[in-house]
């Protein structure tokens, strides 16, 4: 709504400035003639200028306003979807690993809906931060003290809370959300741990972002990278992946084909499937695997639109 009001204000100002410009175009000439040659006889009457000369200015103004309004409308379509105050979840705390794709799914949902949340970074070795819970995985989300687990279930619960009247089941959306959990996420590890150098790059990021002591950070980078390099080979066999990069590119192209020319799977705005794909890919986007994916597929433009739509994190820094 703020964007729409801004468009209306801009339209009024554009019309006012256009009127002033047209008035000013005639007045200075006449004033200048009176000052420079006061005794001169009035010039002979001229034939009126053809009306077509005024048309380009009017057309240009209309085109300029149309482009401005279209830009504002696009911004409105990609604005964050914050729920009404009475439906906004309170006291939200996310227990996570920064580089975890499932945790990033939840964060993408929270950020897009501008739901304020605190983060507790869990030490993946000791898991001291979640010893209070019977659930020993991340993400865990607490809302007013209530524990929610499993990324898709967390998002389902939050979606019902902020959209209680939305009872429609979108089969396309549900299909692609399952695809993220059952297929896309399994393309990540074989790619980010594909070679020793890529495994080290990935664990350098993980160790810097995660909750580690200095000693643990060193061990995580080198021991963890070596271990995951070997594990990635087993994951390739488990998920029948022969070429890790080709499988990642195929998954990215499969997603962009599903968009079928739309900005988002949700149309003019992201839906839960868009947020899920974006969240899962966000941890790898600026690693070598993610850069290769963007350079060799058509997913880059959609990803950039998602970055703009999700916007700045709604995380509460402590």
Protein backbone atom coordinates (compact mmCIF):
# COMPACT_ATOMS: atom_id res chain seq x y z
CA UNK A 1 0.00 0.00 0.00
CA UNK A 2 2.83 2.42 0.75
CA UNK A 3 4.18 1.81 -2.75
CA UNK A 4 0.74 2.43 -4.28
CA UNK A 5 0.33 5.72 -2.38
CA UNK A 6 3.82 6.69 -3.51
CA UNK A 7 2.80 6.02 -7.13
CA UNK A 8 -0.30 8.22 -6.76
CA UNK A 9 1.73 11.05 -5.22
CA UNK A 10 4.32 10.72 -7.97
CA UNK A 11 1.57 10.91 -10.60
CA UNK A 12 0.17 14.13 -9.12
CA UNK A 13 3.62 15.70 -8.95
CA UNK A 14 4.39 14.64 -12.51
CA UNK A 15 1.20 16.26 -13.82
CA UNK A 16 1.88 19.47 -11.84
CA UNK A 17 5.47 19.70 -13.09
CA UNK A 18 4.30 19.07 -16.66
CA UNK A 19 1.79 21.93 -16.42
CA UNK A 20 4.45 24.27 -15.03
CA UNK A 21 6.87 23.29 -17.77
CA UNK A 22 4.31 24.00 -20.49
CA UNK A 23 3.46 27.39 -18.93
CA UNK A 24 7.15 28.30 -18.56
CA UNK A 25 7.89 27.39 -22.17
CA UNK A 26 5.62 30.22 -23.41
CA UNK A 27 6.21 32.96 -20.78
CA UNK A 28 10.00 33.55 -21.02
CA UNK A 29 9.89 34.25 -24.77
CA UNK A 30 7.32 36.99 -24.45
CA UNK A 31 9.07 38.58 -21.45
CA UNK A 32 12.39 38.54 -23.24
CA UNK A 33 10.89 40.25 -26.29
CA UNK A 34 9.51 43.13 -24.15
CA UNK A 35 12.87 43.69 -22.40
CA UNK A 36 15.12 43.56 -25.45
CA UNK A 37 13.03 45.63 -27.91
CA UNK A 38 10.43 47.77 -26.10
CA UNK A 39 9.94 50.26 -29.05
CA UNK A 40 9.70 47.70 -31.79
CA UNK A 41 6.34 47.18 -33.41
CA UNK A 42 4.62 43.97 -32.60
CA UNK A 43 5.72 41.13 -34.86
CA UNK A 44 3.36 40.05 -37.58
CA UNK A 45 1.02 37.27 -36.60
CA UNK A 46 2.41 33.84 -37.18
CA UNK A 47 0.61 30.75 -38.23
CA UNK A 48 -0.12 28.57 -35.24
CA UNK A 49 2.35 25.78 -34.75
CA UNK A 50 1.12 22.40 -35.94
CA UNK A 51 -0.42 20.50 -33.03
CA UNK A 52 1.83 17.53 -33.78
CA UNK A 53 4.81 19.41 -32.27
CA UNK A 54 3.28 19.22 -28.80
CA UNK A 55 2.56 15.54 -29.09
CA UNK A 56 6.07 14.22 -28.41
CA UNK A 57 6.25 15.96 -25.00
CA UNK A 58 2.88 14.57 -24.00
CA UNK A 59 3.76 11.11 -25.22
CA UNK A 60 7.14 11.24 -23.48
CA UNK A 61 5.48 12.29 -20.23
CA UNK A 62 2.94 9.50 -20.48
CA UNK A 63 5.61 6.93 -21.25
CA UNK A 64 7.78 8.21 -18.39
CA UNK A 65 4.89 8.02 -15.94
CA UNK A 66 3.88 4.55 -17.19
CA UNK A 67 7.42 3.27 -16.69
CA UNK A 68 7.59 4.81 -13.22
CA UNK A 69 4.27 3.30 -12.23
CA UNK A 70 5.28 -0.09 -13.62
CA UNK A 71 8.50 0.05 -11.59
CA UNK A 72 6.57 0.89 -8.43
CA UNK A 73 4.04 -1.85 -9.15
CA UNK A 74 6.87 -4.34 -9.53
CA UNK A 75 8.32 -3.18 -6.22
CA UNK A 76 4.89 -3.60 -4.62
CA UNK A 77 4.62 -7.14 -6.02
CA UNK A 78 8.01 -8.02 -4.49
CA UNK A 79 7.44 -6.29 -1.17
CA UNK A 80 7.81 -8.32 2.00
CA UNK A 81 4.67 -10.08 3.18
CA UNK A 82 4.54 -9.15 6.85
CA UNK A 83 1.46 -10.58 8.60
CA UNK A 84 -0.95 -8.34 10.55
CA UNK A 85 0.28 -7.41 14.02
CA UNK A 86 -2.30 -9.59 15.76
CA UNK A 87 -1.10 -12.64 13.78
CA UNK A 88 2.63 -11.92 14.03
CA UNK A 89 4.40 -14.75 15.92
CA UNK A 90 6.08 -13.54 19.10
CA UNK A 91 9.28 -14.55 20.91
CA UNK A 92 10.64 -16.57 17.98
CA UNK A 93 13.98 -18.33 18.48
CA UNK A 94 15.71 -20.42 15.80
CA UNK A 95 18.26 -23.06 16.85
CA UNK A 96 20.36 -23.69 13.78
CA UNK A 97 23.59 -24.27 11.92
CA UNK A 98 24.26 -21.25 9.71
CA UNK A 99 25.20 -23.37 6.70
CA UNK A 100 22.37 -25.93 7.09
CA UNK A 101 20.03 -25.90 4.03
CA UNK A 102 16.99 -26.86 6.11
CA UNK A 103 17.70 -24.06 8.59
CA UNK A 104 18.03 -21.70 5.65
CA UNK A 105 14.59 -22.77 4.45
CA UNK A 106 13.09 -21.61 7.73
CA UNK A 107 15.10 -18.39 7.70
CA UNK A 108 13.93 -17.60 4.17
CA UNK A 109 10.31 -17.90 5.33
CA UNK A 110 10.89 -15.73 8.41
CA UNK A 111 12.83 -13.10 6.46
CA UNK A 112 10.29 -12.88 3.62
CA UNK A 113 7.42 -12.45 6.07
CA UNK A 114 9.47 -10.00 8.14
CA UNK A 115 8.95 -12.02 11.32
CA UNK A 116 11.51 -10.95 13.95
CA UNK A 117 13.51 -13.87 15.35
CA UNK A 118 16.56 -14.56 17.46
CA UNK A 119 19.19 -17.11 16.49
CA UNK A 120 21.04 -19.59 18.66
CA UNK A 121 23.96 -21.07 16.73
CA UNK A 122 24.32 -24.70 17.77
CA UNK A 123 27.73 -26.30 18.16
CA UNK A 124 27.49 -29.36 15.88
CA UNK A 125 29.97 -31.32 18.00
CA UNK A 126 28.59 -30.87 21.51
CA UNK A 127 25.04 -29.69 20.65
CA UNK A 128 25.08 -28.11 24.09
CA UNK A 129 22.56 -25.47 23.00
CA UNK A 130 19.79 -28.02 22.32
CA UNK A 131 20.37 -30.48 25.17
CA UNK A 132 17.11 -29.22 26.67
CA UNK A 133 15.24 -30.79 23.72
CA UNK A 134 14.48 -34.44 22.99
CA UNK A 135 14.90 -33.56 19.30
CA UNK A 136 18.60 -33.64 18.50
CA UNK A 137 18.56 -32.14 15.02
CA UNK A 138 18.27 -28.63 13.64
CA UNK A 139 16.34 -26.58 12.87
CA UNK A 140 14.33 -26.21 16.05
CA UNK A 141 12.06 -23.18 16.32
CA UNK A 142 10.42 -22.02 19.51
CA UNK A 143 7.45 -19.65 19.34
CA UNK A 144 6.32 -18.32 22.72
CA UNK A 145 8.06 -21.35 24.26
CA UNK A 146 6.37 -23.91 21.98
CA UNK A 147 8.85 -26.18 20.21
CA UNK A 148 8.49 -26.77 16.46
CA UNK A 149 10.74 -29.20 14.57
CA UNK A 150 11.43 -30.29 10.98
CA UNK A 151 11.78 -27.43 8.48
CA UNK A 152 8.71 -28.23 6.38
CA UNK A 153 6.52 -28.81 9.43
CA UNK A 154 7.76 -25.56 11.00
CA UNK A 155 6.83 -23.64 7.85
CA UNK A 156 3.41 -25.33 7.66
CA UNK A 157 2.60 -24.33 11.24
CA UNK A 158 3.76 -20.75 10.74
CA UNK A 159 1.89 -20.46 7.46
CA UNK A 160 -1.37 -21.51 9.14
CA UNK A 161 -0.78 -19.02 11.95
CA UNK A 162 -0.21 -16.01 9.74
CA UNK A 163 -2.80 -17.02 7.11
CA UNK A 164 -5.57 -18.68 9.15
CA UNK A 165 -8.20 -18.15 6.46
CA UNK A 166 -6.14 -19.66 3.65
CA UNK A 167 -7.45 -23.21 3.38
CA UNK A 168 -6.72 -23.77 -0.30
CA UNK A 169 -4.27 -26.55 -1.16
CA UNK A 170 -1.99 -25.63 -4.02
CA UNK A 171 -0.98 -28.93 -5.57
CA UNK A 172 1.78 -27.39 -7.70
CA UNK A 173 3.30 -25.70 -4.67
CA UNK A 174 3.12 -28.89 -2.60
CA UNK A 175 4.70 -30.94 -5.41
CA UNK A 176 7.74 -28.68 -5.65
CA UNK A 177 8.16 -28.40 -1.91
CA UNK A 178 8.42 -32.22 -1.82
CA UNK A 179 10.89 -32.06 -4.72
CA UNK A 180 13.13 -29.76 -2.67
CA UNK A 181 13.17 -32.14 0.32
CA UNK A 182 13.37 -35.37 -1.65
CA UNK A 183 15.66 -34.40 -4.54
CA UNK A 184 17.24 -30.94 -4.65
CA UNK A 185 18.78 -31.06 -1.17
CA UNK A 186 20.57 -34.31 -2.03
CA UNK A 187 22.42 -32.57 -4.89
CA UNK A 188 24.26 -30.26 -2.50
CA UNK A 189 26.77 -32.42 -0.59
CA UNK A 190 28.15 -34.26 -3.65
CA UNK A 191 28.80 -30.83 -5.20
CA UNK A 192 30.22 -28.78 -2.34
CA UNK A 193 32.47 -31.69 -1.27
CA UNK A 194 33.17 -32.87 -4.83
CA UNK A 195 36.93 -32.29 -4.64
CA UNK A 196 39.33 -31.80 -1.75
CA UNK A 197 39.69 -28.09 -2.55
CA UNK A 198 35.91 -27.63 -2.67
CA UNK A 199 35.51 -29.53 0.59
CA UNK A 200 38.05 -27.22 2.21
CA UNK A 201 36.28 -24.16 0.78
CA UNK A 202 32.96 -25.39 2.16
CA UNK A 203 34.33 -26.18 5.61
CA UNK A 204 36.17 -22.88 5.74
CA UNK A 205 32.76 -21.22 5.35
CA UNK A 206 31.09 -23.61 7.80
CA UNK A 207 33.78 -23.21 10.45
CA UNK A 208 33.69 -19.40 10.23
CA UNK A 209 29.90 -19.20 10.36
CA UNK A 210 29.36 -21.90 12.96
CA UNK A 211 29.62 -21.96 16.73
CA UNK A 212 33.12 -23.38 17.23
CA UNK A 213 36.01 -22.72 19.55
CA UNK A 214 39.33 -21.90 17.88
CA UNK A 215 40.53 -25.51 18.21
CA UNK A 216 37.22 -26.90 16.99
CA UNK A 217 37.25 -24.50 14.05
CA UNK A 218 40.65 -25.79 12.92
CA UNK A 219 39.59 -29.41 13.36
CA UNK A 220 36.25 -28.83 11.65
CA UNK A 221 37.88 -27.32 8.59
CA UNK A 222 40.51 -29.97 7.96
CA UNK A 223 39.13 -33.14 9.58
CA UNK A 224 35.56 -32.33 8.55
CA UNK A 225 36.53 -31.53 4.97
CA UNK A 226 38.39 -34.82 4.63
CA UNK A 227 35.54 -36.80 6.14
CA UNK A 228 32.85 -35.15 3.98
CA UNK A 229 34.94 -35.59 0.85
CA UNK A 230 34.82 -39.36 1.45
CA UNK A 231 31.16 -39.33 2.52
CA UNK A 232 30.17 -37.42 -0.63
CA UNK A 233 31.37 -40.37 -2.69
CA UNK A 234 28.95 -42.64 -0.83
CA UNK A 235 26.15 -40.12 -1.23
CA UNK A 236 26.67 -40.13 -4.99
CA UNK A 237 26.11 -43.88 -5.02
CA UNK A 238 23.15 -43.66 -2.66
CA UNK A 239 21.32 -41.13 -4.83
CA UNK A 240 22.52 -42.58 -8.13
CA UNK A 241 24.56 -39.53 -9.10
CA UNK A 242 27.22 -40.14 -11.72
CA UNK A 243 28.23 -36.53 -12.43
CA UNK A 244 27.66 -34.20 -9.47
CA UNK A 245 27.76 -30.94 -11.43
CA UNK A 246 25.55 -32.25 -14.23
CA UNK A 247 22.98 -33.37 -11.66
CA UNK A 248 23.02 -29.94 -9.99
CA UNK A 249 22.62 -28.18 -13.34
CA UNK A 250 19.79 -30.53 -14.27
CA UNK A 251 18.00 -29.77 -11.00
CA UNK A 252 18.42 -26.01 -11.52
CA UNK A 253 17.08 -26.23 -15.07
CA UNK A 254 14.20 -28.42 -13.94
CA UNK A 255 13.19 -25.68 -11.51
CA UNK A 256 13.43 -22.85 -14.04
CA UNK A 257 11.37 -24.88 -16.52
CA UNK A 258 8.71 -25.27 -13.84
CA UNK A 259 8.47 -21.47 -13.62
CA UNK A 260 7.18 -21.53 -17.20
CA UNK A 261 7.98 -17.88 -17.83
CA UNK A 262 6.71 -16.62 -14.47
CA UNK A 263 8.81 -14.47 -12.17
CA UNK A 264 8.14 -16.94 -9.37
CA UNK A 265 6.34 -20.26 -9.09
CA UNK A 266 3.79 -18.25 -7.09
CA UNK A 267 3.33 -15.85 -10.03
CA UNK A 268 4.05 -12.21 -9.17
CA UNK A 269 5.12 -13.13 -5.63
CA UNK A 270 7.10 -16.06 -4.17
CA UNK A 271 5.17 -18.95 -2.69
CA UNK A 272 6.36 -21.60 -0.24
CA UNK A 273 8.07 -23.60 -2.98
CA UNK A 274 10.03 -20.54 -4.15
CA UNK A 275 11.13 -19.89 -0.56
CA UNK A 276 12.13 -23.54 -0.10
CA UNK A 277 14.30 -23.68 -3.23
CA UNK A 278 15.87 -20.32 -2.40
CA UNK A 279 16.55 -21.34 1.19
CA UNK A 280 18.21 -24.62 0.25
CA UNK A 281 20.42 -23.00 -2.39
CA UNK A 282 21.38 -19.96 -0.33
CA UNK A 283 24.25 -21.67 1.61
CA UNK A 284 26.00 -22.73 -1.62
CA UNK A 285 25.25 -19.73 -3.84
CA UNK A 286 28.66 -18.09 -3.41
CA UNK A 287 30.69 -21.27 -3.12
CA UNK A 288 32.29 -22.65 -6.27
CA UNK A 289 29.39 -25.04 -6.83
CA UNK A 290 26.82 -22.26 -6.62
CA UNK A 291 28.78 -19.97 -8.90
CA UNK A 292 29.09 -22.77 -11.48
CA UNK A 293 25.35 -23.45 -11.20
CA UNK A 294 24.45 -19.81 -11.94
CA UNK A 295 26.94 -19.57 -14.82
CA UNK A 296 25.79 -22.78 -16.50
CA UNK A 297 22.00 -22.69 -16.02
CA UNK A 298 19.13 -20.21 -16.26
CA UNK A 299 18.50 -20.01 -12.52
CA UNK A 300 20.47 -16.81 -11.87
CA UNK A 301 17.72 -14.32 -12.77
CA UNK A 302 15.15 -16.08 -10.57
CA UNK A 303 17.65 -16.26 -7.72
CA UNK A 304 18.33 -12.53 -7.97
CA UNK A 305 14.59 -11.80 -7.90
CA UNK A 306 14.31 -13.95 -4.79
CA UNK A 307 17.17 -12.09 -3.09
CA UNK A 308 15.31 -8.84 -3.75
CA UNK A 309 11.97 -10.24 -2.59
CA UNK A 310 13.27 -11.82 0.62
CA UNK A 311 15.30 -8.70 1.37
CA UNK A 312 17.22 -8.02 4.53
CA UNK A 313 17.09 -10.55 7.38
CA UNK A 314 14.48 -9.92 10.08
CA UNK A 315 16.86 -11.49 12.60
CA UNK A 316 17.20 -9.69 15.92
CA UNK A 317 20.87 -9.11 16.60
CA UNK A 318 21.95 -9.47 20.22
